[in-house]
N, C-alpha and C. Protein backbone atom coordinates (compact mmCIF):
# COMPACT_ATOMS: atom_id res chain seq x y z
N UNK A 1 -55.98 228.61 112.14
CA UNK A 1 -55.10 227.34 112.02
C UNK A 1 -54.08 227.35 111.17
N UNK A 2 -55.86 226.81 109.90
CA UNK A 2 -55.63 225.93 109.26
C UNK A 2 -54.42 226.73 108.01
N UNK A 3 -54.86 228.57 108.40
CA UNK A 3 -53.26 229.01 107.04
C UNK A 3 -52.39 228.92 107.53
N UNK A 4 -51.99 228.98 109.33
CA UNK A 4 -51.19 228.84 109.58
C UNK A 4 -50.79 227.42 109.62
N UNK A 5 -51.23 226.11 109.07
CA UNK A 5 -50.31 225.05 108.81
C UNK A 5 -50.10 224.79 107.06
N UNK A 6 -51.03 225.85 106.39
CA UNK A 6 -50.52 225.97 104.96
C UNK A 6 -49.27 226.41 104.62
N UNK A 7 -49.01 227.72 105.51
CA UNK A 7 -47.92 228.71 105.51
C UNK A 7 -46.17 227.64 105.82
N UNK A 8 -46.78 226.70 107.04
CA UNK A 8 -46.04 226.01 107.22
C UNK A 8 -45.24 224.49 106.67
N UNK A 9 -46.28 224.24 105.49
CA UNK A 9 -46.42 223.15 104.91
C UNK A 9 -45.89 224.07 103.61
N UNK A 10 -46.17 225.07 103.07
CA UNK A 10 -45.69 226.08 102.11
C UNK A 10 -44.13 226.33 102.50
N UNK A 11 -43.39 226.72 103.26
CA UNK A 11 -42.44 227.07 103.99
C UNK A 11 -41.14 225.27 103.94
N UNK A 12 -41.89 224.47 103.90
CA UNK A 12 -41.09 222.89 104.19
C UNK A 12 -41.08 222.70 102.73
N UNK A 13 -42.26 222.42 102.07
CA UNK A 13 -41.98 222.74 100.24
C UNK A 13 -40.78 223.33 99.63
N UNK A 14 -41.13 224.66 100.09
CA UNK A 14 -40.09 225.53 99.32
C UNK A 14 -38.36 224.88 99.66
N UNK A 15 -38.17 225.01 101.30
CA UNK A 15 -37.12 224.63 101.35
C UNK A 15 -36.45 223.10 100.70
N UNK A 16 -37.60 222.88 100.94
CA UNK A 16 -37.09 220.98 100.20
C UNK A 16 -36.47 221.69 99.13
N UNK A 17 -37.18 221.88 98.01
CA UNK A 17 -37.43 222.12 96.95
C UNK A 17 -36.39 222.94 96.77
N UNK A 18 -35.58 223.72 97.13
CA UNK A 18 -34.46 224.74 96.98
C UNK A 18 -33.13 223.75 97.72
N UNK A 19 -33.41 222.97 98.36
CA UNK A 19 -32.47 222.04 98.82
C UNK A 19 -32.17 221.05 97.92
N UNK A 20 -32.72 220.15 96.88
CA UNK A 20 -32.41 219.53 95.60
C UNK A 20 -32.08 220.17 94.39
N UNK A 21 -32.29 221.38 94.41
CA UNK A 21 -31.89 222.33 93.40
C UNK A 21 -30.61 222.26 93.30
N UNK A 22 -29.27 222.34 94.20
CA UNK A 22 -28.12 222.43 93.77
C UNK A 22 -27.33 221.72 92.59
N UNK A 23 -26.57 222.53 92.19
CA UNK A 23 -25.85 221.61 90.50
C UNK A 23 -25.04 221.39 91.63
N UNK A 24 -24.05 221.52 92.67
CA UNK A 24 -23.04 220.67 93.01
C UNK A 24 -23.06 219.18 92.11
N UNK A 25 -21.68 218.11 91.29
CA UNK A 25 -21.79 217.25 91.17
C UNK A 25 -20.50 216.68 92.33
N UNK A 26 -20.72 215.20 92.40
CA UNK A 26 -20.35 214.28 93.00
C UNK A 26 -18.95 214.95 92.98
N UNK A 27 -18.01 214.53 93.79
CA UNK A 27 -16.14 214.79 93.21
C UNK A 27 -16.36 213.61 92.99
N UNK A 28 -14.82 213.35 91.15
CA UNK A 28 -14.88 212.04 90.66
C UNK A 28 -13.64 211.66 91.94
N UNK A 29 -14.38 209.67 92.05
CA UNK A 29 -13.32 209.04 92.54
C UNK A 29 -12.04 209.19 92.43
N UNK A 30 -10.82 209.11 94.06
CA UNK A 30 -9.67 208.72 92.87
C UNK A 30 -9.30 207.28 92.60
N UNK A 31 -9.02 207.92 91.13
CA UNK A 31 -8.42 206.46 90.68
C UNK A 31 -7.21 205.29 91.57
N UNK A 32 -7.43 204.01 91.50
CA UNK A 32 -7.34 203.28 92.04
C UNK A 32 -5.42 203.24 92.44
N UNK A 33 -4.74 202.84 93.00
CA UNK A 33 -2.93 203.04 93.00
C UNK A 33 -3.00 201.22 93.60
N UNK A 34 -2.04 201.46 93.00
CA UNK A 34 -1.31 199.53 93.57
C UNK A 34 -0.94 199.87 94.88
N UNK A 35 -0.95 198.62 95.39
CA UNK A 35 -0.80 198.95 96.85
C UNK A 35 1.37 198.39 97.02
N UNK A 36 1.90 198.29 95.59
CA UNK A 36 3.17 198.06 95.67
C UNK A 36 3.34 199.98 95.24
N UNK A 37 2.47 200.38 94.66
CA UNK A 37 3.51 201.75 94.00
C UNK A 37 3.20 202.75 95.07
N UNK A 38 2.00 202.61 96.37
CA UNK A 38 2.48 203.04 97.76
C UNK A 38 3.14 203.32 98.23
N UNK A 39 3.30 201.77 98.08
CA UNK A 39 4.43 201.65 99.66
C UNK A 39 5.70 201.92 98.86
N UNK A 40 5.82 201.93 97.31
CA UNK A 40 7.47 202.16 96.52
C UNK A 40 7.38 204.01 97.10
N UNK A 41 6.29 204.61 96.77
CA UNK A 41 5.81 205.91 97.50
C UNK A 41 6.25 206.08 98.82
N UNK A 42 6.82 205.23 99.79
CA UNK A 42 6.08 205.62 101.43
C UNK A 42 7.31 205.38 102.13
N UNK A 43 8.44 206.11 101.97
CA UNK A 43 9.92 205.81 102.23
C UNK A 43 9.76 204.97 103.98
N UNK A 44 9.34 204.79 105.06
CA UNK A 44 9.12 204.09 105.73
C UNK A 44 8.90 202.52 105.70
N UNK A 45 8.35 202.09 104.05
CA UNK A 45 8.60 201.34 103.46
C UNK A 45 8.95 199.99 102.93
N UNK A 46 10.45 201.35 102.55
CA UNK A 46 11.64 200.47 101.50
C UNK A 46 11.75 198.92 102.08
N UNK A 47 12.54 199.08 103.78
CA UNK A 47 12.16 196.79 103.74
C UNK A 47 10.61 196.27 103.32
N UNK A 48 10.07 196.78 103.11
CA UNK A 48 8.89 195.98 102.62
C UNK A 48 9.10 195.81 101.60
N UNK A 49 8.85 197.21 100.47
CA UNK A 49 8.91 196.54 98.84
C UNK A 49 10.20 195.60 99.18
N UNK A 50 11.50 195.70 99.66
CA UNK A 50 12.23 194.98 99.53
C UNK A 50 12.55 193.47 99.52
N UNK A 51 11.36 193.34 100.70
CA UNK A 51 11.02 192.05 101.03
C UNK A 51 10.13 191.24 100.61
N UNK A 52 9.84 191.85 99.87
CA UNK A 52 8.61 191.74 98.20
C UNK A 52 9.43 191.26 96.88
N UNK A 53 9.70 192.28 96.98
CA UNK A 53 10.77 191.52 95.49
C UNK A 53 12.20 190.96 96.32
N UNK A 54 12.29 190.26 96.88
CA UNK A 54 13.25 189.11 97.26
C UNK A 54 12.70 187.34 97.73
N UNK A 55 10.96 188.01 97.74
CA UNK A 55 10.10 187.00 98.18
C UNK A 55 9.32 186.30 97.29
N UNK A 56 9.50 187.05 96.10
CA UNK A 56 8.56 186.97 94.83
C UNK A 56 8.95 185.59 94.05
N UNK A 57 9.03 184.53 93.73
CA UNK A 57 9.15 184.13 92.61
C UNK A 57 8.46 184.06 91.58
N UNK A 58 9.02 184.36 90.13
CA UNK A 58 8.98 184.69 88.75
C UNK A 58 7.74 185.72 89.24
N UNK A 59 8.46 186.50 90.09
CA UNK A 59 7.61 187.83 90.27
C UNK A 59 5.94 187.87 89.66
N UNK A 60 5.79 187.27 91.07
CA UNK A 60 3.91 186.69 91.25
C UNK A 60 3.28 187.32 92.22
N UNK A 61 4.67 187.66 93.05
CA UNK A 61 4.12 188.36 94.74
C UNK A 61 3.91 189.68 94.29
N UNK A 62 5.00 190.12 93.36
CA UNK A 62 5.30 192.13 92.45
C UNK A 62 3.78 192.07 91.65
N UNK A 63 3.44 191.45 90.20
CA UNK A 63 2.47 191.54 89.94
C UNK A 63 0.97 191.22 91.01
N UNK A 64 0.68 190.64 92.05
CA UNK A 64 -0.19 190.65 92.47
C UNK A 64 -0.74 192.48 93.56
N UNK A 65 0.32 192.41 94.02
CA UNK A 65 0.69 193.76 94.25
C UNK A 65 0.79 195.27 93.96
N UNK A 66 1.27 194.46 92.52
CA UNK A 66 1.36 195.77 91.36
C UNK A 66 -0.15 196.36 90.92
N UNK A 67 -0.99 195.21 90.27
CA UNK A 67 -2.34 195.55 90.39
C UNK A 67 -3.13 196.11 90.72
N UNK A 68 -3.83 197.10 90.09
CA UNK A 68 -4.92 197.93 91.44
C UNK A 68 -6.04 197.09 91.42
N UNK A 69 -6.32 197.23 92.48
CA UNK A 69 -7.84 196.01 92.98
C UNK A 69 -8.10 196.34 94.31
N UNK A 70 -9.10 195.48 95.03
CA UNK A 70 -9.20 196.07 96.22
C UNK A 70 -8.39 194.91 97.10
N UNK A 71 -7.12 194.86 97.63
CA UNK A 71 -6.27 194.49 98.83
C UNK A 71 -6.05 195.25 100.33
N UNK A 72 -5.98 194.06 100.97
CA UNK A 72 -5.52 194.58 102.22
C UNK A 72 -4.43 194.67 102.81
N UNK A 73 -3.00 195.46 103.09
CA UNK A 73 -1.92 194.80 103.42
C UNK A 73 -1.77 195.74 104.92
N UNK A 74 -1.51 194.53 105.88
CA UNK A 74 -0.90 195.31 107.54
C UNK A 74 0.89 195.47 106.91
N UNK A 75 0.76 196.65 106.82
CA UNK A 75 2.26 197.11 106.21
C UNK A 75 3.70 197.00 107.50
N UNK A 76 4.60 196.08 107.50
CA UNK A 76 5.47 196.61 108.83
C UNK A 76 6.28 197.80 108.36
N UNK A 77 6.32 198.32 108.91
CA UNK A 77 7.27 199.90 109.09
C UNK A 77 9.06 199.80 108.80
N UNK A 78 9.26 200.31 108.68
CA UNK A 78 11.76 199.89 108.05
C UNK A 78 12.00 198.84 109.69
N UNK A 79 10.88 200.42 110.64
CA UNK A 79 11.52 200.10 112.04
C UNK A 79 11.03 198.51 113.11
N UNK A 80 9.97 198.24 112.07
CA UNK A 80 9.68 197.24 112.70
C UNK A 80 10.42 195.62 111.99
N UNK A 81 11.21 195.69 110.81
CA UNK A 81 11.59 195.25 109.75
C UNK A 81 12.87 194.76 111.08
N UNK A 82 13.65 196.17 111.48
CA UNK A 82 15.07 196.55 111.93
C UNK A 82 14.95 195.45 113.45
N UNK A 83 13.66 195.88 114.23
CA UNK A 83 13.31 194.82 115.46
C UNK A 83 13.42 192.86 114.90
N UNK A 84 13.41 193.03 114.15
CA UNK A 84 12.56 191.41 113.10
C UNK A 84 15.02 191.32 113.95
N UNK A 85 15.23 191.62 113.49
CA UNK A 85 16.81 191.19 113.31
C UNK A 85 17.26 189.71 112.96
N UNK A 86 16.79 189.83 112.03
CA UNK A 86 16.69 188.75 110.93
C UNK A 86 18.26 188.72 110.14
N UNK A 87 19.27 187.18 110.38
CA UNK A 87 20.19 187.58 109.44
C UNK A 87 20.82 185.84 108.88
């Protein structure tokens, strides 16, 4: 019984060592992209881009959304702007 447990312990040790010995490197994180650049690259957000540019006094909003950083924006699509029907 002691031999059997010794074999199990040895097998477990070798399994753990084999798993730890990989040469895999983690992938590089993606480069940060600004919210404005993402919106400009998305055709269905063109109304949002136009609204941001129109509403930005002294380009403050454009500069804020154009900077890389951690921000969250719930971006309405062009269809949502069309349903708004502001004249």
